[in-house]
């Protein structure tokens, strides 16, 4: 093998890595809004007032870690600590899973993420962040209690029809299969997976609280 060949191969590898798309570094599996609610430490309705880049310590090589700090105005907390959230942090770009918010207080958001304590939380591109106006009435209502009623249930994404539940505490999320890979379809907009008295779980549709007959029903 000529002596120059290893160097050439190494240079080609550097070029290929350099051309890799930054967005490939962050990918998220679709989840139902209820799952996002249950997985989060904090769920709030809020406005982003301002943003700035801040240092958040150093990485293992001693390089500074940059994050975006959003100063927010919390409107309502649906899940989380007693203290209001004042600041939200995220990575500086979507390539590294950062979630960008419009500032100036003109847009209201539903924001779910991880608590950092002392009035702070962290969000990523994979967390539930939606404009408030884009939510259905059922989704807004479910934030108060409905989603919490099913946090012990399992919501499984159905990739293709037919698909089947593997246990009684499971709800099949079929939007992906039935609505051309739509993660914001009928079940996401209008349904919540509720745990019933017998320990089983089932989809419930509507804004009204589940009736006792629904909670007490037992599947044959």
N, C-alpha and C. Protein backbone atom coordinates (compact mmCIF):
# COMPACT_ATOMS: atom_id res chain seq x y z
N UNK A 1 0.85 -1.20 0.00
CA UNK A 1 0.00 0.00 0.00
C UNK A 1 0.88 1.24 0.00
N UNK A 2 0.71 2.15 -0.94
CA UNK A 2 1.52 3.37 -0.96
C UNK A 2 1.38 4.12 0.35
N UNK A 3 2.46 4.79 0.75
CA UNK A 3 2.47 5.50 2.02
C UNK A 3 1.45 6.61 2.07
N UNK A 4 1.12 7.21 0.93
CA UNK A 4 0.19 8.35 0.90
C UNK A 4 -1.27 7.91 1.02
N UNK A 5 -1.56 6.61 0.82
CA UNK A 5 -2.94 6.16 0.79
C UNK A 5 -3.65 6.30 2.14
N UNK A 6 -2.99 5.90 3.26
CA UNK A 6 -3.68 6.12 4.55
C UNK A 6 -4.03 7.57 4.81
N UNK A 7 -3.15 8.47 4.42
CA UNK A 7 -3.43 9.90 4.61
C UNK A 7 -4.61 10.35 3.77
N UNK A 8 -4.67 9.81 2.54
CA UNK A 8 -5.77 10.16 1.65
C UNK A 8 -7.10 9.66 2.19
N UNK A 9 -7.10 8.43 2.73
CA UNK A 9 -8.33 7.88 3.30
C UNK A 9 -8.77 8.68 4.51
N UNK A 10 -7.81 9.08 5.33
CA UNK A 10 -8.15 9.88 6.50
C UNK A 10 -8.74 11.23 6.09
N UNK A 11 -8.20 11.84 5.04
CA UNK A 11 -8.70 13.13 4.57
C UNK A 11 -10.13 13.00 4.02
N UNK A 12 -10.38 11.89 3.30
CA UNK A 12 -11.72 11.67 2.78
C UNK A 12 -12.72 11.49 3.92
N UNK A 13 -12.31 10.80 4.99
CA UNK A 13 -13.18 10.63 6.14
C UNK A 13 -13.52 11.97 6.77
N UNK A 14 -12.54 12.84 6.89
CA UNK A 14 -12.77 14.18 7.44
C UNK A 14 -13.76 14.95 6.59
N UNK A 15 -13.63 14.84 5.26
CA UNK A 15 -14.55 15.53 4.37
C UNK A 15 -15.97 15.02 4.53
N UNK A 16 -16.11 13.69 4.62
CA UNK A 16 -17.44 13.10 4.77
C UNK A 16 -18.08 13.53 6.08
N UNK A 17 -17.31 13.53 7.16
CA UNK A 17 -17.86 13.96 8.44
C UNK A 17 -18.23 15.43 8.42
N UNK A 18 -17.45 16.20 7.72
CA UNK A 18 -17.70 17.64 7.64
C UNK A 18 -18.97 17.96 6.87
N UNK A 19 -19.34 17.05 5.96
CA UNK A 19 -20.53 17.29 5.16
C UNK A 19 -21.78 16.69 5.77
N UNK A 20 -21.64 16.01 6.88
CA UNK A 20 -22.82 15.45 7.55
C UNK A 20 -23.74 16.55 7.99
N UNK A 21 -25.00 16.35 7.82
CA UNK A 21 -25.98 17.39 8.16
C UNK A 21 -26.09 17.50 9.67
N UNK A 22 -26.00 18.72 10.23
CA UNK A 22 -26.10 18.89 11.68
C UNK A 22 -27.41 18.36 12.24
N UNK A 23 -28.49 18.45 11.47
CA UNK A 23 -29.79 18.03 11.98
C UNK A 23 -29.82 16.54 12.29
N UNK A 24 -28.89 15.77 11.64
CA UNK A 24 -28.86 14.34 11.88
C UNK A 24 -28.46 14.00 13.31
N UNK A 25 -27.89 14.97 14.01
CA UNK A 25 -27.42 14.72 15.37
C UNK A 25 -28.58 14.64 16.35
N UNK A 26 -29.77 15.07 15.96
CA UNK A 26 -30.91 15.06 16.86
C UNK A 26 -32.12 14.44 16.17
N UNK A 27 -32.63 13.38 16.76
CA UNK A 27 -33.84 12.77 16.22
C UNK A 27 -34.73 12.36 17.39
N UNK A 28 -36.03 12.44 17.19
CA UNK A 28 -36.98 12.16 18.26
C UNK A 28 -38.04 11.18 17.78
N UNK A 29 -38.41 10.25 18.62
CA UNK A 29 -39.50 9.33 18.30
C UNK A 29 -40.83 10.00 18.63
N UNK A 30 -41.80 9.95 17.73
CA UNK A 30 -43.11 10.57 18.01
C UNK A 30 -43.77 9.95 19.22
N UNK A 31 -44.35 10.77 20.08
CA UNK A 31 -45.11 10.27 21.21
C UNK A 31 -46.42 11.05 21.33
N UNK A 32 -47.42 10.41 21.90
CA UNK A 32 -48.71 11.05 22.14
C UNK A 32 -48.53 12.18 23.15
N UNK A 33 -49.30 13.27 23.03
CA UNK A 33 -49.18 14.38 23.98
C UNK A 33 -49.32 13.96 25.44
N UNK A 34 -50.16 12.95 25.69
CA UNK A 34 -50.31 12.47 27.06
C UNK A 34 -49.01 11.86 27.58
N UNK A 35 -48.31 11.13 26.72
CA UNK A 35 -47.02 10.57 27.12
C UNK A 35 -46.03 11.68 27.45
N UNK A 36 -46.03 12.73 26.64
CA UNK A 36 -45.12 13.85 26.88
C UNK A 36 -45.44 14.51 28.22
N UNK A 37 -46.73 14.64 28.51
CA UNK A 37 -47.16 15.20 29.79
C UNK A 37 -46.67 14.33 30.95
N UNK A 38 -46.88 13.02 30.84
CA UNK A 38 -46.53 12.11 31.93
C UNK A 38 -45.01 12.02 32.12
N UNK A 39 -44.26 12.11 31.04
CA UNK A 39 -42.80 12.00 31.13
C UNK A 39 -42.14 13.26 31.68
N UNK A 40 -42.84 14.39 31.62
CA UNK A 40 -42.24 15.67 32.00
C UNK A 40 -42.28 15.90 33.50
N UNK A 41 -41.29 16.64 34.00
CA UNK A 41 -41.31 17.10 35.39
C UNK A 41 -42.20 18.32 35.53
N UNK A 42 -42.20 19.15 34.49
CA UNK A 42 -42.89 20.43 34.53
C UNK A 42 -43.71 20.60 33.25
N UNK A 43 -44.96 21.03 33.39
CA UNK A 43 -45.80 21.36 32.24
C UNK A 43 -46.47 22.70 32.53
N UNK A 44 -46.21 23.69 31.68
CA UNK A 44 -46.72 25.03 31.94
C UNK A 44 -47.28 25.66 30.67
N UNK A 45 -48.09 26.68 30.89
CA UNK A 45 -48.52 27.59 29.83
C UNK A 45 -47.77 28.89 30.07
N UNK A 46 -47.05 29.37 29.05
CA UNK A 46 -46.17 30.51 29.29
C UNK A 46 -45.87 31.28 28.01
N UNK A 47 -45.31 32.47 28.19
CA UNK A 47 -44.80 33.30 27.10
C UNK A 47 -43.29 33.47 27.29
N UNK A 48 -42.56 33.49 26.19
CA UNK A 48 -41.13 33.77 26.23
C UNK A 48 -40.94 35.27 26.02
N UNK A 49 -40.37 35.94 27.01
CA UNK A 49 -40.23 37.39 26.95
C UNK A 49 -38.92 37.83 26.29
N UNK A 50 -37.83 37.13 26.61
CA UNK A 50 -36.52 37.49 26.05
C UNK A 50 -35.63 36.26 26.03
N UNK A 51 -34.52 36.36 25.31
CA UNK A 51 -33.59 35.23 25.21
C UNK A 51 -32.16 35.75 25.13
N UNK A 52 -31.24 34.99 25.69
CA UNK A 52 -29.82 35.30 25.57
C UNK A 52 -29.01 34.02 25.71
N UNK A 53 -27.81 34.03 25.14
CA UNK A 53 -26.91 32.88 25.24
C UNK A 53 -26.09 32.99 26.52
N UNK A 54 -26.01 31.89 27.26
CA UNK A 54 -25.29 31.88 28.52
C UNK A 54 -24.35 30.68 28.57
N UNK A 55 -23.33 30.77 29.43
CA UNK A 55 -22.44 29.65 29.68
C UNK A 55 -23.04 28.76 30.75
N UNK A 56 -22.94 27.44 30.54
CA UNK A 56 -23.47 26.49 31.53
C UNK A 56 -22.39 25.48 31.88
N UNK A 57 -21.27 25.96 32.36
CA UNK A 57 -20.17 25.09 32.73
C UNK A 57 -19.32 24.70 31.54
N UNK A 58 -18.53 23.63 31.70
CA UNK A 58 -17.61 23.18 30.65
C UNK A 58 -17.83 21.69 30.37
N UNK A 59 -17.49 21.29 29.15
CA UNK A 59 -17.56 19.87 28.82
C UNK A 59 -16.31 19.16 29.32
N UNK A 60 -16.18 17.87 29.02
CA UNK A 60 -15.05 17.09 29.55
C UNK A 60 -13.71 17.55 28.99
N UNK A 61 -13.75 18.34 27.91
CA UNK A 61 -12.52 18.84 27.32
C UNK A 61 -12.19 20.26 27.78
N UNK A 62 -13.05 20.79 28.66
CA UNK A 62 -12.82 22.14 29.16
C UNK A 62 -13.42 23.24 28.32
N UNK A 63 -14.16 22.87 27.27
CA UNK A 63 -14.80 23.87 26.43
C UNK A 63 -16.11 24.34 27.06
N UNK A 64 -16.42 25.64 26.96
CA UNK A 64 -17.66 26.14 27.56
C UNK A 64 -18.90 25.56 26.88
N UNK A 65 -19.90 25.23 27.68
CA UNK A 65 -21.17 24.74 27.17
C UNK A 65 -22.14 25.91 27.06
N UNK A 66 -22.61 26.16 25.86
CA UNK A 66 -23.52 27.28 25.62
C UNK A 66 -24.97 26.80 25.64
N UNK A 67 -25.83 27.59 26.25
CA UNK A 67 -27.26 27.33 26.21
C UNK A 67 -28.01 28.64 25.99
N UNK A 68 -29.23 28.52 25.49
CA UNK A 68 -30.11 29.68 25.39
C UNK A 68 -30.94 29.75 26.66
N UNK A 69 -30.97 30.92 27.25
CA UNK A 69 -31.79 31.16 28.43
C UNK A 69 -32.98 32.04 28.05
N UNK A 70 -34.17 31.49 28.21
CA UNK A 70 -35.39 32.26 27.96
C UNK A 70 -35.95 32.76 29.29
N UNK A 71 -36.17 34.05 29.37
CA UNK A 71 -36.91 34.58 30.50
C UNK A 71 -38.39 34.50 30.13
N UNK A 72 -39.19 33.86 30.97
CA UNK A 72 -40.58 33.62 30.60
C UNK A 72 -41.55 34.23 31.60
N UNK A 73 -42.78 34.37 31.13
CA UNK A 73 -43.88 34.76 31.99
C UNK A 73 -44.82 33.56 32.07
N UNK A 74 -44.85 32.92 33.24
CA UNK A 74 -45.72 31.76 33.42
C UNK A 74 -47.17 32.20 33.60
N UNK A 75 -48.05 31.57 32.84
CA UNK A 75 -49.48 31.87 32.93
C UNK A 75 -50.18 30.85 33.83
N UNK A 76 -49.82 29.57 33.67
CA UNK A 76 -50.42 28.52 34.50
C UNK A 76 -49.49 27.32 34.53
N UNK A 77 -49.42 26.68 35.69
CA UNK A 77 -48.67 25.44 35.81
C UNK A 77 -49.65 24.26 35.94
N UNK A 78 -49.49 23.27 35.07
CA UNK A 78 -50.33 22.08 35.10
C UNK A 78 -49.66 20.94 35.85
N UNK A 79 -48.36 20.99 35.92
CA UNK A 79 -47.59 19.95 36.60
C UNK A 79 -46.24 20.52 36.95
N UNK A 80 -45.79 20.30 38.20
CA UNK A 80 -44.47 20.79 38.55
C UNK A 80 -44.36 21.24 39.99
N UNK A 81 -43.32 22.00 40.31
CA UNK A 81 -43.06 22.44 41.68
C UNK A 81 -44.00 23.56 42.10
N UNK A 82 -43.93 23.91 43.37
CA UNK A 82 -44.77 24.99 43.89
C UNK A 82 -44.31 26.35 43.36
N UNK A 83 -43.03 26.49 43.11
CA UNK A 83 -42.48 27.77 42.65
C UNK A 83 -42.68 27.94 41.15
N UNK A 84 -43.05 29.17 40.74
CA UNK A 84 -43.22 29.47 39.32
C UNK A 84 -41.90 29.30 38.57
N UNK A 85 -42.01 28.93 37.29
CA UNK A 85 -40.84 28.86 36.43
C UNK A 85 -40.53 30.25 35.89
N UNK A 86 -39.29 30.67 36.04
CA UNK A 86 -38.86 31.99 35.58
C UNK A 86 -37.96 31.91 34.35
N UNK A 87 -37.18 30.80 34.25
CA UNK A 87 -36.24 30.67 33.14
C UNK A 87 -36.32 29.27 32.53
N UNK A 88 -36.25 29.24 31.21
CA UNK A 88 -36.19 27.98 30.47
C UNK A 88 -34.88 27.94 29.70
N UNK A 89 -34.21 26.79 29.77
CA UNK A 89 -32.93 26.63 29.08
C UNK A 89 -33.05 25.58 27.99
N UNK A 90 -32.28 25.78 26.92
CA UNK A 90 -32.25 24.81 25.83
C UNK A 90 -30.93 24.95 25.10
N UNK A 91 -30.58 23.94 24.30
CA UNK A 91 -29.36 23.98 23.51
C UNK A 91 -29.47 25.10 22.46
N UNK A 92 -28.33 25.60 21.98
CA UNK A 92 -28.35 26.79 21.13
C UNK A 92 -28.86 26.59 19.71
N UNK A 93 -29.05 25.35 19.26
CA UNK A 93 -29.56 25.12 17.91
C UNK A 93 -30.32 23.81 17.86
N UNK A 94 -31.16 23.67 16.83
CA UNK A 94 -31.93 22.44 16.67
C UNK A 94 -31.02 21.26 16.33
N UNK A 95 -29.83 21.53 15.78
CA UNK A 95 -28.89 20.46 15.45
C UNK A 95 -28.47 19.68 16.68
N UNK A 96 -28.47 20.34 17.83
CA UNK A 96 -28.11 19.67 19.08
C UNK A 96 -29.33 19.62 20.01
N UNK A 97 -30.50 19.50 19.40
CA UNK A 97 -31.78 19.29 20.10
C UNK A 97 -32.28 20.52 20.84
N UNK A 98 -31.84 21.70 20.45
CA UNK A 98 -32.38 22.91 21.06
C UNK A 98 -33.77 23.21 20.53
N UNK A 99 -34.60 23.82 21.38
CA UNK A 99 -35.97 24.19 21.00
C UNK A 99 -36.07 25.71 21.00
N UNK A 100 -36.35 26.29 19.86
CA UNK A 100 -36.38 27.74 19.72
C UNK A 100 -37.80 28.27 19.94
N UNK A 101 -37.92 29.34 20.72
CA UNK A 101 -39.20 29.97 21.02
C UNK A 101 -39.19 31.41 20.51
N UNK A 102 -40.36 31.89 20.09
CA UNK A 102 -40.51 33.29 19.72
C UNK A 102 -40.55 34.13 20.99
N UNK A 103 -39.78 35.19 21.00
CA UNK A 103 -39.74 36.06 22.18
C UNK A 103 -40.58 37.31 21.96
N UNK A 104 -40.72 38.10 23.02
CA UNK A 104 -41.50 39.32 22.94
C UNK A 104 -42.86 39.18 23.58
N UNK A 105 -43.20 37.96 24.01
CA UNK A 105 -44.45 37.75 24.71
C UNK A 105 -45.69 37.73 23.85
N UNK A 106 -45.53 37.61 22.54
CA UNK A 106 -46.70 37.63 21.66
C UNK A 106 -47.36 36.26 21.53
N UNK A 107 -46.57 35.17 21.69
CA UNK A 107 -47.11 33.83 21.56
C UNK A 107 -47.18 33.15 22.92
N UNK A 108 -48.30 32.44 23.14
CA UNK A 108 -48.41 31.60 24.33
C UNK A 108 -48.11 30.16 23.94
N UNK A 109 -47.36 29.49 24.79
CA UNK A 109 -46.94 28.12 24.53
C UNK A 109 -47.40 27.17 25.63
N UNK A 110 -47.63 25.93 25.25
CA UNK A 110 -47.65 24.83 26.20
C UNK A 110 -46.26 24.24 26.16
N UNK A 111 -45.61 24.17 27.32
CA UNK A 111 -44.21 23.73 27.38
C UNK A 111 -44.06 22.64 28.43
N UNK A 112 -43.51 21.51 28.02
CA UNK A 112 -43.23 20.40 28.93
C UNK A 112 -41.74 20.12 28.91
N UNK A 113 -41.15 19.89 30.08
CA UNK A 113 -39.72 19.63 30.13
C UNK A 113 -39.26 19.15 31.48
N UNK A 114 -37.96 19.21 31.70
CA UNK A 114 -37.34 18.71 32.92
C UNK A 114 -37.03 19.86 33.88
N UNK A 115 -37.29 19.63 35.15
CA UNK A 115 -37.02 20.65 36.16
C UNK A 115 -35.52 20.72 36.45
N UNK A 116 -35.02 21.95 36.65
CA UNK A 116 -33.65 22.16 37.10
C UNK A 116 -33.64 22.80 38.49
N UNK A 117 -34.83 22.96 39.07
CA UNK A 117 -34.93 23.55 40.40
C UNK A 117 -34.78 25.06 40.39
N UNK A 118 -35.19 25.68 41.47
CA UNK A 118 -35.03 27.14 41.64
C UNK A 118 -35.67 27.94 40.52
N UNK A 119 -36.86 27.52 40.08
CA UNK A 119 -37.57 28.27 39.05
C UNK A 119 -37.02 28.12 37.65
N UNK A 120 -36.29 27.02 37.40
CA UNK A 120 -35.68 26.79 36.09
C UNK A 120 -36.10 25.43 35.54
N UNK A 121 -36.17 25.35 34.21
CA UNK A 121 -36.45 24.07 33.55
C UNK A 121 -35.67 24.00 32.25
N UNK A 122 -35.54 22.80 31.72
CA UNK A 122 -34.79 22.57 30.48
C UNK A 122 -35.69 21.88 29.47
N UNK A 123 -35.62 22.30 28.21
CA UNK A 123 -36.41 21.67 27.16
C UNK A 123 -35.50 21.29 26.00
N UNK A 124 -35.94 20.28 25.24
CA UNK A 124 -35.23 19.84 24.05
C UNK A 124 -36.21 19.77 22.88
N UNK A 125 -35.68 19.48 21.73
CA UNK A 125 -36.50 19.35 20.54
C UNK A 125 -37.49 18.19 20.67
N UNK A 126 -37.19 17.24 21.55
CA UNK A 126 -38.05 16.07 21.72
C UNK A 126 -39.17 16.28 22.74
N UNK A 127 -39.13 17.38 23.47
CA UNK A 127 -40.17 17.67 24.45
C UNK A 127 -41.40 18.27 23.78
N UNK A 128 -42.52 18.21 24.49
CA UNK A 128 -43.76 18.78 23.97
C UNK A 128 -43.73 20.30 24.14
N UNK A 129 -43.66 21.00 23.01
CA UNK A 129 -43.73 22.46 22.99
C UNK A 129 -44.65 22.83 21.83
N UNK A 130 -45.81 23.38 22.14
CA UNK A 130 -46.79 23.74 21.11
C UNK A 130 -47.35 25.12 21.41
N UNK A 131 -47.72 25.84 20.36
CA UNK A 131 -48.41 27.10 20.61
C UNK A 131 -49.77 26.78 21.21
N UNK A 132 -50.19 27.60 22.14
CA UNK A 132 -51.44 27.34 22.86
C UNK A 132 -52.64 27.30 21.91
N UNK A 133 -52.64 28.17 20.92
CA UNK A 133 -53.76 28.23 19.98
C UNK A 133 -53.87 26.99 19.10
N UNK A 134 -52.78 26.22 18.97
CA UNK A 134 -52.82 25.03 18.12
C UNK A 134 -53.42 23.82 18.84
N UNK A 135 -53.64 23.91 20.14
CA UNK A 135 -54.19 22.80 20.91
C UNK A 135 -55.70 22.72 20.73
N UNK A 136 -56.22 21.51 20.74
CA UNK A 136 -57.67 21.33 20.66
C UNK A 136 -58.28 21.61 22.04
N UNK A 137 -59.59 21.89 22.10
CA UNK A 137 -60.24 22.07 23.41
C UNK A 137 -60.06 20.86 24.32
N UNK A 138 -60.10 19.66 23.76
CA UNK A 138 -59.91 18.45 24.57
C UNK A 138 -58.51 18.39 25.15
N UNK A 139 -57.50 18.75 24.36
CA UNK A 139 -56.13 18.75 24.87
C UNK A 139 -55.97 19.74 26.02
N UNK A 140 -56.54 20.92 25.86
CA UNK A 140 -56.44 21.92 26.92
C UNK A 140 -57.12 21.44 28.20
N UNK A 141 -58.28 20.81 28.05
CA UNK A 141 -59.02 20.31 29.20
C UNK A 141 -58.27 19.16 29.87
N UNK A 142 -57.64 18.32 29.07
CA UNK A 142 -56.96 17.14 29.60
C UNK A 142 -55.74 17.49 30.43
N UNK A 143 -55.19 18.67 30.25
CA UNK A 143 -54.01 19.08 31.00
C UNK A 143 -54.30 19.22 32.49
N UNK A 144 -55.54 19.51 32.84
CA UNK A 144 -55.89 19.74 34.24
C UNK A 144 -55.91 18.46 35.07
N UNK A 145 -56.40 17.36 34.50
CA UNK A 145 -56.46 16.12 35.27
C UNK A 145 -56.47 14.86 34.40
N UNK A 146 -57.09 14.96 33.22
CA UNK A 146 -57.33 13.78 32.40
C UNK A 146 -56.05 13.03 32.06
N UNK A 147 -55.02 13.74 31.58
CA UNK A 147 -53.78 13.06 31.23
C UNK A 147 -53.16 12.36 32.44
N UNK A 148 -53.23 13.01 33.60
CA UNK A 148 -52.65 12.44 34.81
C UNK A 148 -53.33 11.12 35.19
N UNK A 149 -54.61 10.99 34.86
CA UNK A 149 -55.36 9.77 35.19
C UNK A 149 -54.84 8.55 34.44
N UNK A 150 -54.06 8.78 33.39
CA UNK A 150 -53.57 7.65 32.60
C UNK A 150 -52.06 7.52 32.59
N UNK A 151 -51.38 8.18 33.51
CA UNK A 151 -49.92 8.12 33.51
C UNK A 151 -49.37 6.74 33.84
N UNK A 152 -50.20 5.88 34.43
CA UNK A 152 -49.77 4.51 34.70
C UNK A 152 -50.09 3.59 33.51
N UNK A 153 -50.76 4.12 32.51
CA UNK A 153 -51.06 3.34 31.31
C UNK A 153 -49.89 3.41 30.33
N UNK A 154 -49.90 2.52 29.38
CA UNK A 154 -48.88 2.49 28.33
C UNK A 154 -49.53 2.80 26.99
N UNK A 155 -49.02 3.83 26.31
CA UNK A 155 -49.51 4.17 24.97
C UNK A 155 -48.49 3.67 23.95
N UNK A 156 -48.90 2.74 23.10
CA UNK A 156 -48.01 2.14 22.12
C UNK A 156 -48.35 2.64 20.72
N UNK A 157 -47.35 3.07 20.00
CA UNK A 157 -47.55 3.58 18.64
C UNK A 157 -47.71 2.42 17.67
N UNK A 158 -48.81 2.42 16.94
CA UNK A 158 -49.08 1.41 15.92
C UNK A 158 -48.47 1.88 14.60
N UNK A 159 -47.51 1.12 14.09
CA UNK A 159 -46.80 1.52 12.88
C UNK A 159 -47.53 1.11 11.61
N UNK A 160 -48.27 0.00 11.67
CA UNK A 160 -49.02 -0.47 10.50
C UNK A 160 -50.19 -1.33 10.98
N UNK A 161 -51.24 -1.32 10.18
CA UNK A 161 -52.45 -2.09 10.49
C UNK A 161 -52.33 -3.48 9.89
N UNK A 162 -52.70 -4.57 10.61
CA UNK A 162 -53.27 -4.56 11.97
C UNK A 162 -52.18 -4.51 13.04
N UNK A 163 -52.57 -4.04 14.22
CA UNK A 163 -51.69 -4.09 15.38
C UNK A 163 -52.56 -4.39 16.60
N UNK A 164 -51.96 -4.92 17.63
CA UNK A 164 -52.73 -5.43 18.75
C UNK A 164 -52.09 -5.03 20.07
N UNK A 165 -52.92 -4.91 21.11
CA UNK A 165 -52.40 -4.62 22.44
C UNK A 165 -51.77 -5.89 23.00
N UNK A 166 -50.74 -5.71 23.82
CA UNK A 166 -50.06 -6.85 24.42
C UNK A 166 -50.44 -7.03 25.88
N UNK A 167 -51.14 -6.03 26.45
CA UNK A 167 -51.58 -6.14 27.84
C UNK A 167 -52.80 -5.25 28.04
N UNK A 168 -53.53 -5.48 29.12
CA UNK A 168 -54.78 -4.75 29.35
C UNK A 168 -54.56 -3.30 29.74
N UNK A 169 -53.34 -2.95 30.15
CA UNK A 169 -53.07 -1.55 30.55
C UNK A 169 -52.46 -0.74 29.41
N UNK A 170 -52.75 -1.16 28.17
CA UNK A 170 -52.15 -0.55 26.99
C UNK A 170 -53.22 0.06 26.09
N UNK A 171 -52.91 1.24 25.53
CA UNK A 171 -53.76 1.88 24.50
C UNK A 171 -52.95 1.97 23.21
N UNK A 172 -53.56 1.59 22.10
CA UNK A 172 -52.88 1.65 20.80
C UNK A 172 -53.09 3.02 20.17
N UNK A 173 -52.00 3.68 19.84
CA UNK A 173 -52.05 4.98 19.17
C UNK A 173 -51.92 4.73 17.67
N UNK A 174 -53.02 4.90 16.95
CA UNK A 174 -53.06 4.52 15.53
C UNK A 174 -52.96 5.69 14.56
N UNK A 175 -52.80 6.90 15.06
CA UNK A 175 -52.71 8.05 14.15
C UNK A 175 -51.62 7.85 13.10
N UNK A 176 -50.49 7.30 13.53
CA UNK A 176 -49.34 7.12 12.64
C UNK A 176 -49.69 6.19 11.47
N UNK A 177 -50.45 5.15 11.76
CA UNK A 177 -50.79 4.17 10.73
C UNK A 177 -51.99 4.58 9.90
N UNK A 178 -52.96 5.26 10.52
CA UNK A 178 -54.22 5.56 9.85
C UNK A 178 -54.22 6.88 9.11
N UNK A 179 -53.33 7.80 9.50
CA UNK A 179 -53.39 9.15 8.94
C UNK A 179 -52.07 9.59 8.31
N UNK A 180 -51.45 8.66 7.58
CA UNK A 180 -50.23 8.95 6.82
C UNK A 180 -49.13 9.55 7.68
N UNK A 181 -48.75 8.81 8.71
CA UNK A 181 -47.65 9.21 9.60
C UNK A 181 -47.92 10.53 10.30
N UNK A 182 -49.17 10.81 10.56
CA UNK A 182 -49.54 12.06 11.22
C UNK A 182 -49.48 11.87 12.74
N UNK A 183 -48.57 12.57 13.39
CA UNK A 183 -48.45 12.45 14.84
C UNK A 183 -49.37 13.44 15.56
N UNK A 184 -50.12 14.20 14.80
CA UNK A 184 -51.02 15.19 15.38
C UNK A 184 -52.44 14.93 14.89
N UNK A 185 -52.82 13.67 14.90
CA UNK A 185 -54.10 13.26 14.34
C UNK A 185 -55.22 13.20 15.35
N UNK A 186 -56.22 12.40 15.04
CA UNK A 186 -57.47 12.35 15.81
C UNK A 186 -57.24 11.94 17.26
N UNK A 187 -56.49 10.87 17.46
CA UNK A 187 -56.26 10.41 18.83
C UNK A 187 -55.41 11.39 19.63
N UNK A 188 -54.45 12.00 18.98
CA UNK A 188 -53.61 12.98 19.67
C UNK A 188 -54.42 14.21 20.06
N UNK A 189 -55.34 14.61 19.21
CA UNK A 189 -56.11 15.83 19.43
C UNK A 189 -57.29 15.64 20.38
N UNK A 190 -57.91 14.46 20.34
CA UNK A 190 -59.21 14.32 21.01
C UNK A 190 -59.32 13.18 22.03
N UNK A 191 -58.26 12.42 22.25
CA UNK A 191 -58.36 11.26 23.13
C UNK A 191 -57.31 11.29 24.23
N UNK A 192 -57.65 10.66 25.35
CA UNK A 192 -56.71 10.40 26.44
C UNK A 192 -56.85 8.94 26.85
N UNK A 193 -55.76 8.33 27.22
CA UNK A 193 -55.76 6.94 27.67
C UNK A 193 -55.97 6.94 29.18
N UNK A 194 -57.10 6.39 29.63
CA UNK A 194 -57.51 6.47 31.03
C UNK A 194 -57.42 5.10 31.70
N UNK A 195 -56.94 5.09 32.94
CA UNK A 195 -56.93 3.86 33.72
C UNK A 195 -58.27 3.67 34.41
N UNK A 196 -58.83 2.47 34.27
CA UNK A 196 -60.15 2.18 34.83
C UNK A 196 -60.03 1.42 36.16
N UNK A 197 -61.18 1.20 36.77
CA UNK A 197 -61.20 0.62 38.12
C UNK A 197 -60.58 -0.76 38.19
N UNK A 198 -60.68 -1.53 37.10
CA UNK A 198 -60.14 -2.90 37.12
C UNK A 198 -58.66 -2.95 36.75
N UNK A 199 -58.04 -1.78 36.57
CA UNK A 199 -56.62 -1.72 36.23
C UNK A 199 -56.33 -1.69 34.75
N UNK A 200 -57.36 -1.89 33.92
CA UNK A 200 -57.16 -1.82 32.48
C UNK A 200 -57.17 -0.35 32.03
N UNK A 201 -56.75 -0.14 30.80
CA UNK A 201 -56.71 1.22 30.24
C UNK A 201 -57.47 1.26 28.93
N UNK A 202 -58.10 2.39 28.65
CA UNK A 202 -58.87 2.53 27.41
C UNK A 202 -58.88 4.00 26.98
N UNK A 203 -59.03 4.20 25.69
CA UNK A 203 -59.13 5.57 25.16
C UNK A 203 -60.45 6.19 25.60
N UNK A 204 -60.39 7.46 25.96
CA UNK A 204 -61.60 8.21 26.31
C UNK A 204 -61.59 9.49 25.48
N UNK A 205 -62.73 9.76 24.86
CA UNK A 205 -62.86 10.96 24.02
C UNK A 205 -63.82 11.93 24.67
N UNK A 206 -63.50 13.21 24.53
CA UNK A 206 -64.43 14.24 24.98
C UNK A 206 -63.85 15.13 26.05
N UNK A 207 -64.52 16.25 26.28
CA UNK A 207 -64.07 17.22 27.27
C UNK A 207 -64.66 16.95 28.64
N UNK A 208 -65.82 16.31 28.69
CA UNK A 208 -66.47 16.04 29.98
C UNK A 208 -65.68 14.99 30.75
N UNK A 209 -65.70 15.03 32.08
CA UNK A 209 -65.01 14.01 32.89
C UNK A 209 -65.59 12.63 32.59
N UNK A 210 -64.75 11.58 32.62
CA UNK A 210 -65.26 10.22 32.38
C UNK A 210 -66.34 9.84 33.38
N UNK A 211 -67.41 9.26 32.90
CA UNK A 211 -68.49 8.82 33.78
C UNK A 211 -68.05 7.58 34.55
N UNK A 212 -68.67 7.36 35.69
CA UNK A 212 -68.30 6.22 36.53
C UNK A 212 -68.51 4.91 35.79
N UNK A 213 -69.52 4.88 34.89
CA UNK A 213 -69.77 3.66 34.13
C UNK A 213 -68.57 3.30 33.26
N UNK A 214 -67.90 4.33 32.73
CA UNK A 214 -66.71 4.09 31.90
C UNK A 214 -65.56 3.58 32.75
N UNK A 215 -65.39 4.17 33.92
CA UNK A 215 -64.29 3.79 34.79
C UNK A 215 -64.49 2.39 35.36
N UNK A 216 -65.74 1.99 35.59
CA UNK A 216 -66.04 0.71 36.21
C UNK A 216 -66.16 -0.44 35.22
N UNK A 217 -66.26 -0.12 33.93
CA UNK A 217 -66.52 -1.17 32.93
C UNK A 217 -65.38 -2.17 32.90
N UNK A 218 -65.71 -3.41 32.65
CA UNK A 218 -64.71 -4.47 32.50
C UNK A 218 -64.87 -5.09 31.12
N UNK A 219 -63.75 -5.20 30.41
CA UNK A 219 -63.82 -5.81 29.09
C UNK A 219 -64.09 -7.30 29.22
N UNK A 220 -64.85 -7.87 28.31
CA UNK A 220 -65.15 -9.31 28.36
C UNK A 220 -63.89 -10.13 28.09
